[in-house]
Amino acid sequence: RLAKIGPGLLLTAQEREGLKQFHAEMNRRR
């Protein structure tokens, strides 16, 4: 359904890096 989505609605490189950091931070928590 999002095949024709505009680039403004996709994650930026900075936001994607934020997700990677979230992965690492969450997995350090018990």
Full PDB file with SEQRES, HELIX, SHEET, SSBOND, CRYST1, ORIGX, SCALE, CONECT and MASTER records, all heavy atoms in Angstrom:
SEQRES   1 A   30  ARG LEU ALA LYS ILE GLY PRO GLY LEU LEU LEU THR ALA          
SEQRES   2 A   30  GLN GLU ARG GLU GLY LEU LYS GLN PHE HIS ALA GLU MET          
SEQRES   3 A   30  ASN ARG ARG ARG                                              
HELIX    1 AA1 PRO A    7  LEU A    9  5                                   3    
HELIX    2 AA2 ALA A   13  ASN A   27  1                                  15    
CRYST1    1.000    1.000    1.000  90.00  90.00  90.00 P 1           1          
ORIGX1      1.000000  0.000000  0.000000        0.00000                         
ORIGX2      0.000000  1.000000  0.000000        0.00000                         
ORIGX3      0.000000  0.000000  1.000000        0.00000                         
SCALE1      1.000000  0.000000  0.000000        0.00000                         
SCALE2      0.000000  1.000000  0.000000        0.00000                         
SCALE3      0.000000  0.000000  1.000000        0.00000                         
ATOM      1  N   ARG A   1       0.820  -1.216   0.000  1.00  0.00           N  
ATOM      2  CA  ARG A   1       0.000   0.000   0.000  1.00  0.00           C  
ATOM      3  C   ARG A   1       0.851   1.262   0.000  1.00  0.00           C  
ATOM      4  O   ARG A   1       0.362   2.338  -0.336  1.00  0.00           O  
ATOM      5  CB  ARG A   1      -0.929   0.010   1.212  1.00  0.00           C  
ATOM      6  CG  ARG A   1      -2.089  -0.950   1.077  1.00  0.00           C  
ATOM      7  CD  ARG A   1      -3.278  -0.580   1.954  1.00  0.00           C  
ATOM      8  NE  ARG A   1      -4.375  -1.489   1.667  1.00  0.00           N  
ATOM      9  CZ  ARG A   1      -4.618  -2.616   2.331  1.00  0.00           C  
ATOM     10  NH1 ARG A   1      -3.851  -2.924   3.360  1.00  0.00           N  
ATOM     11  NH2 ARG A   1      -5.611  -3.409   1.991  1.00  0.00           N  
ATOM     12  N   LEU A   2       2.101   1.143   0.389  1.00  0.00           N  
ATOM     13  CA  LEU A   2       2.984   2.311   0.445  1.00  0.00           C  
ATOM     14  C   LEU A   2       3.975   2.335  -0.716  1.00  0.00           C  
ATOM     15  O   LEU A   2       4.987   3.037  -0.656  1.00  0.00           O  
ATOM     16  CB  LEU A   2       3.746   2.333   1.776  1.00  0.00           C  
ATOM     17  CG  LEU A   2       2.892   2.413   3.050  1.00  0.00           C  
ATOM     18  CD1 LEU A   2       3.785   2.404   4.288  1.00  0.00           C  
ATOM     19  CD2 LEU A   2       2.010   3.652   3.035  1.00  0.00           C  
ATOM     20  N   ALA A   3       3.683   1.590  -1.784  1.00  0.00           N  
ATOM     21  CA  ALA A   3       4.637   1.480  -2.899  1.00  0.00           C  
ATOM     22  C   ALA A   3       4.963   2.830  -3.523  1.00  0.00           C  
ATOM     23  O   ALA A   3       6.078   3.050  -4.006  1.00  0.00           O  
ATOM     24  CB  ALA A   3       4.096   0.527  -3.962  1.00  0.00           C  
ATOM     25  N   LYS A   4       4.010   3.745  -3.522  1.00  0.00           N  
ATOM     26  CA  LYS A   4       4.215   5.060  -4.151  1.00  0.00           C  
ATOM     27  C   LYS A   4       4.461   6.152  -3.113  1.00  0.00           C  
ATOM     28  O   LYS A   4       4.295   7.336  -3.404  1.00  0.00           O  
ATOM     29  CB  LYS A   4       3.002   5.419  -5.003  1.00  0.00           C  
ATOM     30  CG  LYS A   4       2.647   4.390  -6.076  1.00  0.00           C  
ATOM     31  CD  LYS A   4       3.752   4.226  -7.099  1.00  0.00           C  
ATOM     32  CE  LYS A   4       3.343   3.243  -8.197  1.00  0.00           C  
ATOM     33  NZ  LYS A   4       4.403   3.060  -9.196  1.00  0.00           N  
ATOM     34  N   ILE A   5       4.882   5.771  -1.936  1.00  0.00           N  
ATOM     35  CA  ILE A   5       5.096   6.721  -0.853  1.00  0.00           C  
ATOM     36  C   ILE A   5       6.193   7.728  -1.220  1.00  0.00           C  
ATOM     37  O   ILE A   5       7.158   7.403  -1.919  1.00  0.00           O  
ATOM     38  CB  ILE A   5       5.479   5.955   0.442  1.00  0.00           C  
ATOM     39  CG1 ILE A   5       5.422   6.869   1.659  1.00  0.00           C  
ATOM     40  CG2 ILE A   5       6.866   5.345   0.317  1.00  0.00           C  
ATOM     41  CD1 ILE A   5       5.634   6.113   2.975  1.00  0.00           C  
ATOM     42  N   GLY A   6       6.042   8.953  -0.736  1.00  0.00           N  
ATOM     43  CA  GLY A   6       7.060   9.969  -0.971  1.00  0.00           C  
ATOM     44  C   GLY A   6       8.229   9.795  -0.024  1.00  0.00           C  
ATOM     45  O   GLY A   6       8.074   9.262   1.085  1.00  0.00           O  
ATOM     46  N   PRO A   7       9.424  10.219  -0.423  1.00  0.00           N  
ATOM     47  CA  PRO A   7      10.621  10.042   0.413  1.00  0.00           C  
ATOM     48  C   PRO A   7      10.525  10.746   1.755  1.00  0.00           C  
ATOM     49  O   PRO A   7      11.191  10.345   2.719  1.00  0.00           O  
ATOM     50  CB  PRO A   7      11.751  10.622  -0.447  1.00  0.00           C  
ATOM     51  CG  PRO A   7      11.077  11.476  -1.466  1.00  0.00           C  
ATOM     52  CD  PRO A   7       9.744  10.861  -1.702  1.00  0.00           C  
ATOM     53  N   GLY A   8       9.684  11.768   1.866  1.00  0.00           N  
ATOM     54  CA  GLY A   8       9.558  12.494   3.117  1.00  0.00           C  
ATOM     55  C   GLY A   8       8.939  11.679   4.240  1.00  0.00           C  
ATOM     56  O   GLY A   8       9.045  12.057   5.414  1.00  0.00           O  
ATOM     57  N   LEU A   9       8.288  10.557   3.909  1.00  0.00           N  
ATOM     58  CA  LEU A   9       7.668   9.710   4.923  1.00  0.00           C  
ATOM     59  C   LEU A   9       8.552   8.532   5.327  1.00  0.00           C  
ATOM     60  O   LEU A   9       8.211   7.787   6.245  1.00  0.00           O  
ATOM     61  CB  LEU A   9       6.316   9.188   4.423  1.00  0.00           C  
ATOM     62  CG  LEU A   9       5.250  10.266   4.176  1.00  0.00           C  
ATOM     63  CD1 LEU A   9       3.977   9.636   3.629  1.00  0.00           C  
ATOM     64  CD2 LEU A   9       4.955  11.038   5.453  1.00  0.00           C  
ATOM     65  N   LEU A  10       9.675   8.362   4.649  1.00  0.00           N  
ATOM     66  CA  LEU A  10      10.613   7.291   4.976  1.00  0.00           C  
ATOM     67  C   LEU A  10      11.634   7.782   5.998  1.00  0.00           C  
ATOM     68  O   LEU A  10      11.908   8.983   6.095  1.00  0.00           O  
ATOM     69  CB  LEU A  10      11.335   6.814   3.717  1.00  0.00           C  
ATOM     70  CG  LEU A  10      10.450   6.241   2.614  1.00  0.00           C  
ATOM     71  CD1 LEU A  10      11.283   5.944   1.375  1.00  0.00           C  
ATOM     72  CD2 LEU A  10       9.736   4.978   3.093  1.00  0.00           C  
ATOM     73  N   LEU A  11      12.200   6.866   6.746  1.00  0.00           N  
ATOM     74  CA  LEU A  11      13.197   7.227   7.745  1.00  0.00           C  
ATOM     75  C   LEU A  11      14.415   7.869   7.083  1.00  0.00           C  
ATOM     76  O   LEU A  11      14.857   7.439   6.014  1.00  0.00           O  
ATOM     77  CB  LEU A  11      13.641   5.996   8.529  1.00  0.00           C  
ATOM     78  CG  LEU A  11      12.916   5.705   9.847  1.00  0.00           C  
ATOM     79  CD1 LEU A  11      11.438   5.444   9.601  1.00  0.00           C  
ATOM     80  CD2 LEU A  11      13.543   4.515  10.553  1.00  0.00           C  
ATOM     81  N   THR A  12      14.956   8.895   7.729  1.00  0.00           N  
ATOM     82  CA  THR A  12      16.214   9.475   7.270  1.00  0.00           C  
ATOM     83  C   THR A  12      17.365   8.604   7.757  1.00  0.00           C  
ATOM     84  O   THR A  12      17.188   7.724   8.610  1.00  0.00           O  
ATOM     85  CB  THR A  12      16.395  10.896   7.835  1.00  0.00           C  
ATOM     86  OG1 THR A  12      16.496  10.805   9.276  1.00  0.00           O  
ATOM     87  CG2 THR A  12      15.221  11.792   7.465  1.00  0.00           C  
ATOM     88  N   ALA A  13      18.556   8.844   7.223  1.00  0.00           N  
ATOM     89  CA  ALA A  13      19.735   8.091   7.666  1.00  0.00           C  
ATOM     90  C   ALA A  13      19.957   8.289   9.162  1.00  0.00           C  
ATOM     91  O   ALA A  13      20.306   7.337   9.883  1.00  0.00           O  
ATOM     92  CB  ALA A  13      20.959   8.530   6.870  1.00  0.00           C  
ATOM     93  N   GLN A  14      19.731   9.508   9.650  1.00  0.00           N  
ATOM     94  CA  GLN A  14      19.914   9.798  11.073  1.00  0.00           C  
ATOM     95  C   GLN A  14      18.892   9.034  11.920  1.00  0.00           C  
ATOM     96  O   GLN A  14      19.228   8.486  12.984  1.00  0.00           O  
ATOM     97  CB  GLN A  14      19.788  11.295  11.320  1.00  0.00           C  
ATOM     98  CG  GLN A  14      20.056  11.710  12.768  1.00  0.00           C  
ATOM     99  CD  GLN A  14      19.994  13.216  12.948  1.00  0.00           C  
ATOM    100  OE1 GLN A  14      19.750  13.967  12.000  1.00  0.00           O  
ATOM    101  NE2 GLN A  14      20.211  13.680  14.172  1.00  0.00           N  
ATOM    102  N   GLU A  15      17.653   8.975  11.447  1.00  0.00           N  
ATOM    103  CA  GLU A  15      16.621   8.247  12.192  1.00  0.00           C  
ATOM    104  C   GLU A  15      16.892   6.748  12.188  1.00  0.00           C  
ATOM    105  O   GLU A  15      16.628   6.056  13.183  1.00  0.00           O  
ATOM    106  CB  GLU A  15      15.248   8.555  11.587  1.00  0.00           C  
ATOM    107  CG  GLU A  15      14.775   9.970  11.892  1.00  0.00           C  
ATOM    108  CD  GLU A  15      13.667  10.450  10.984  1.00  0.00           C  
ATOM    109  OE1 GLU A  15      13.435   9.817   9.916  1.00  0.00           O  
ATOM    110  OE2 GLU A  15      13.032  11.466  11.312  1.00  0.00           O  
ATOM    111  N   ARG A  16      17.430   6.241  11.093  1.00  0.00           N  
ATOM    112  CA  ARG A  16      17.790   4.821  11.038  1.00  0.00           C  
ATOM    113  C   ARG A  16      18.926   4.518  12.018  1.00  0.00           C  
ATOM    114  O   ARG A  16      18.927   3.476  12.675  1.00  0.00           O  
ATOM    115  CB  ARG A  16      18.179   4.443   9.607  1.00  0.00           C  
ATOM    116  CG  ARG A  16      18.249   2.937   9.373  1.00  0.00           C  
ATOM    117  CD  ARG A  16      18.385   2.584   7.912  1.00  0.00           C  
ATOM    118  NE  ARG A  16      17.162   2.898   7.180  1.00  0.00           N  
ATOM    119  CZ  ARG A  16      17.054   3.875   6.296  1.00  0.00           C  
ATOM    120  NH1 ARG A  16      18.092   4.646   6.020  1.00  0.00           N  
ATOM    121  NH2 ARG A  16      15.907   4.099   5.688  1.00  0.00           N  
ATOM    122  N   GLU A  17      19.889   5.429  12.117  1.00  0.00           N  
ATOM    123  CA  GLU A  17      20.965   5.255  13.095  1.00  0.00           C  
ATOM    124  C   GLU A  17      20.397   5.281  14.512  1.00  0.00           C  
ATOM    125  O   GLU A  17      20.877   4.557  15.398  1.00  0.00           O  
ATOM    126  CB  GLU A  17      22.022   6.347  12.929  1.00  0.00           C  
ATOM    127  CG  GLU A  17      22.909   6.183  11.707  1.00  0.00           C  
ATOM    128  CD  GLU A  17      23.654   4.856  11.690  1.00  0.00           C  
ATOM    129  OE1 GLU A  17      24.192   4.468  12.757  1.00  0.00           O  
ATOM    130  OE2 GLU A  17      23.673   4.201  10.625  1.00  0.00           O  
ATOM    131  N   GLY A  18      19.383   6.116  14.723  1.00  0.00           N  
ATOM    132  CA  GLY A  18      18.725   6.144  16.021  1.00  0.00           C  
ATOM    133  C   GLY A  18      18.086   4.811  16.373  1.00  0.00           C  
ATOM    134  O   GLY A  18      18.136   4.369  17.532  1.00  0.00           O  
ATOM    135  N   LEU A  19      17.499   4.141  15.372  1.00  0.00           N  
ATOM    136  CA  LEU A  19      16.917   2.816  15.601  1.00  0.00           C  
ATOM    137  C   LEU A  19      17.993   1.797  15.978  1.00  0.00           C  
ATOM    138  O   LEU A  19      17.787   0.952  16.859  1.00  0.00           O  
ATOM    139  CB  LEU A  19      16.188   2.333  14.345  1.00  0.00           C  
ATOM    140  CG  LEU A  19      14.742   2.781  14.127  1.00  0.00           C  
ATOM    141  CD1 LEU A  19      14.175   2.112  12.884  1.00  0.00           C  
ATOM    142  CD2 LEU A  19      13.874   2.458  15.330  1.00  0.00           C  
ATOM    143  N   LYS A  20      19.138   1.863  15.312  1.00  0.00           N  
ATOM    144  CA  LYS A  20      20.241   0.945  15.642  1.00  0.00           C  
ATOM    145  C   LYS A  20      20.716   1.167  17.074  1.00  0.00           C  
ATOM    146  O   LYS A  20      21.010   0.212  17.805  1.00  0.00           O  
ATOM    147  CB  LYS A  20      21.394   1.137  14.663  1.00  0.00           C  
ATOM    148  CG  LYS A  20      21.067   0.798  13.214  1.00  0.00           C  
ATOM    149  CD  LYS A  20      22.250   1.141  12.320  1.00  0.00           C  
ATOM    150  CE  LYS A  20      21.884   1.036  10.846  1.00  0.00           C  
ATOM    151  NZ  LYS A  20      23.014   1.440   9.965  1.00  0.00           N  
ATOM    152  N   GLN A  21      20.803   2.418  17.473  1.00  0.00           N  
ATOM    153  CA  GLN A  21      21.204   2.744  18.840  1.00  0.00           C  
ATOM    154  C   GLN A  21      20.155   2.238  19.831  1.00  0.00           C  
ATOM    155  O   GLN A  21      20.494   1.731  20.904  1.00  0.00           O  
ATOM    156  CB  GLN A  21      21.397   4.251  18.985  1.00  0.00           C  
ATOM    157  CG  GLN A  21      21.967   4.673  20.335  1.00  0.00           C  
ATOM    158  CD  GLN A  21      22.216   6.164  20.407  1.00  0.00           C  
ATOM    159  OE1 GLN A  21      22.172   6.873  19.406  1.00  0.00           O  
ATOM    160  NE2 GLN A  21      22.476   6.660  21.605  1.00  0.00           N  
ATOM    161  N   PHE A  22      18.882   2.360  19.464  1.00  0.00           N  
ATOM    162  CA  PHE A  22      17.786   1.854  20.303  1.00  0.00           C  
ATOM    163  C   PHE A  22      17.938   0.344  20.504  1.00  0.00           C  
ATOM    164  O   PHE A  22      17.756  -0.160  21.622  1.00  0.00           O  
ATOM    165  CB  PHE A  22      16.455   2.183  19.632  1.00  0.00           C  
ATOM    166  CG  PHE A  22      15.237   1.720  20.374  1.00  0.00           C  
ATOM    167  CD1 PHE A  22      14.728   2.455  21.435  1.00  0.00           C  
ATOM    168  CD2 PHE A  22      14.584   0.550  20.002  1.00  0.00           C  
ATOM    169  CE1 PHE A  22      13.596   2.037  22.112  1.00  0.00           C  
ATOM    170  CE2 PHE A  22      13.452   0.120  20.678  1.00  0.00           C  
ATOM    171  CZ  PHE A  22      12.955   0.868  21.738  1.00  0.00           C  
ATOM    172  N   HIS A  23      18.266  -0.374  19.437  1.00  0.00           N  
ATOM    173  CA  HIS A  23      18.506  -1.824  19.503  1.00  0.00           C  
ATOM    174  C   HIS A  23      19.563  -2.127  20.568  1.00  0.00           C  
ATOM    175  O   HIS A  23      19.367  -2.987  21.440  1.00  0.00           O  
ATOM    176  CB  HIS A  23      18.963  -2.316  18.122  1.00  0.00           C  
ATOM    177  CG  HIS A  23      19.431  -3.733  18.083  1.00  0.00           C  
ATOM    178  ND1 HIS A  23      18.714  -4.740  17.465  1.00  0.00           N  
ATOM    179  CD2 HIS A  23      20.552  -4.333  18.548  1.00  0.00           C  
ATOM    180  CE1 HIS A  23      19.371  -5.878  17.564  1.00  0.00           C  
ATOM    181  NE2 HIS A  23      20.498  -5.657  18.222  1.00  0.00           N  
ATOM    182  N   ALA A  24      20.695  -1.428  20.488  1.00  0.00           N  
ATOM    183  CA  ALA A  24      21.796  -1.690  21.415  1.00  0.00           C  
ATOM    184  C   ALA A  24      21.415  -1.332  22.850  1.00  0.00           C  
ATOM    185  O   ALA A  24      21.696  -2.092  23.795  1.00  0.00           O  
ATOM    186  CB  ALA A  24      23.035  -0.905  20.983  1.00  0.00           C  
ATOM    187  N   GLU A  25      20.765  -0.193  23.034  1.00  0.00           N  
ATOM    188  CA  GLU A  25      20.407   0.263  24.379  1.00  0.00           C  
ATOM    189  C   GLU A  25      19.399  -0.676  25.035  1.00  0.00           C  
ATOM    190  O   GLU A  25      19.536  -1.027  26.215  1.00  0.00           O  
ATOM    191  CB  GLU A  25      19.834   1.682  24.313  1.00  0.00           C  
ATOM    192  CG  GLU A  25      20.878   2.742  23.991  1.00  0.00           C  
ATOM    193  CD  GLU A  25      20.256   4.114  23.798  1.00  0.00           C  
ATOM    194  OE1 GLU A  25      18.998   4.213  23.790  1.00  0.00           O  
ATOM    195  OE2 GLU A  25      21.018   5.085  23.643  1.00  0.00           O  
ATOM    196  N   MET A  26      18.370  -1.085  24.292  1.00  0.00           N  
ATOM    197  CA  MET A  26      17.357  -1.974  24.858  1.00  0.00           C  
ATOM    198  C   MET A  26      17.968  -3.324  25.251  1.00  0.00           C  
ATOM    199  O   MET A  26      17.603  -3.902  26.281  1.00  0.00           O  
ATOM    200  CB  MET A  26      16.220  -2.192  23.858  1.00  0.00           C  
ATOM    201  CG  MET A  26      15.331  -0.984  23.622  1.00  0.00           C  
ATOM    202  SD  MET A  26      14.344  -0.485  25.065  1.00  0.00           S  
ATOM    203  CE  MET A  26      15.249   0.988  25.558  1.00  0.00           C  
ATOM    204  N   ASN A  27      18.886  -3.823  24.443  1.00  0.00           N  
ATOM    205  CA  ASN A  27      19.456  -5.136  24.717  1.00  0.00           C  
ATOM    206  C   ASN A  27      20.489  -5.126  25.837  1.00  0.00           C  
ATOM    207  O   ASN A  27      20.939  -6.192  26.279  1.00  0.00           O  
ATOM    208  CB  ASN A  27      20.056  -5.730  23.435  1.00  0.00           C  
ATOM    209  CG  ASN A  27      18.988  -6.212  22.486  1.00  0.00           C  
ATOM    210  OD1 ASN A  27      17.898  -6.605  22.914  1.00  0.00           O  
ATOM    211  ND2 ASN A  27      19.263  -6.187  21.197  1.00  0.00           N  
ATOM    212  N   ARG A  28      20.848  -3.946  26.321  1.00  0.00           N  
ATOM    213  CA  ARG A  28      21.703  -3.860  27.510  1.00  0.00           C  
ATOM    214  C   ARG A  28      20.869  -3.856  28.796  1.00  0.00           C  
ATOM    215  O   ARG A  28      21.414  -3.975  29.894  1.00  0.00           O  
ATOM    216  CB  ARG A  28      22.574  -2.596  27.459  1.00  0.00           C  
ATOM    217  CG  ARG A  28      23.741  -2.696  26.493  1.00  0.00           C  
ATOM    218  CD  ARG A  28      24.754  -1.593  26.729  1.00  0.00           C  
ATOM    219  NE  ARG A  28      24.252  -0.289  26.341  1.00  0.00           N  
ATOM    220  CZ  ARG A  28      24.432   0.264  25.142  1.00  0.00           C  
ATOM    221  NH1 ARG A  28      25.120  -0.398  24.216  1.00  0.00           N  
ATOM    222  NH2 ARG A  28      23.954   1.466  24.856  1.00  0.00           N  
ATOM    223  N   ARG A  29      19.564  -3.725  28.644  1.00  0.00           N  
ATOM    224  CA  ARG A  29      18.691  -3.650  29.807  1.00  0.00           C  
ATOM    225  C   ARG A  29      18.091  -5.018  30.141  1.00  0.00           C  
ATOM    226  O   ARG A  29      17.838  -5.834  29.258  1.00  0.00           O  
ATOM    227  CB  ARG A  29      17.580  -2.625  29.556  1.00  0.00           C  
ATOM    228  CG  ARG A  29      18.106  -1.209  29.540  1.00  0.00           C  
ATOM    229  CD  ARG A  29      17.110  -0.210  29.027  1.00  0.00           C  
ATOM    230  NE  ARG A  29      15.790  -0.300  29.651  1.00  0.00           N  
ATOM    231  CZ  ARG A  29      14.820   0.577  29.424  1.00  0.00           C  
ATOM    232  NH1 ARG A  29      15.018   1.603  28.603  1.00  0.00           N  
ATOM    233  NH2 ARG A  29      13.649   0.428  29.997  1.00  0.00           N  
ATOM    234  N   ARG A  30      17.835  -5.242  31.418  1.00  0.00           N  
ATOM    235  CA  ARG A  30      17.293  -6.523  31.866  1.00  0.00           C  
ATOM    236  C   ARG A  30      15.784  -6.465  32.102  1.00  0.00           C  
ATOM    237  O   ARG A  30      15.163  -7.493  32.345  1.00  0.00           O  
ATOM    238  CB  ARG A  30      17.996  -6.957  33.150  1.00  0.00           C  
ATOM    239  CG  ARG A  30      19.503  -7.112  32.993  1.00  0.00           C  
ATOM    240  CD  ARG A  30      20.164  -7.543  34.280  1.00  0.00           C  
ATOM    241  NE  ARG A  30      19.754  -8.874  34.703  1.00  0.00           N  
ATOM    242  CZ  ARG A  30      20.183  -9.465  35.809  1.00  0.00           C  
ATOM    243  NH1 ARG A  30      21.029  -8.846  36.602  1.00  0.00           N  
ATOM    244  NH2 ARG A  30      19.762 -10.684  36.123  1.00  0.00           N  
TER     245      ARG A  30                                                      
MASTER        0    0    0    2    0    0    0    6  244    1    0    3          
END                                                                             
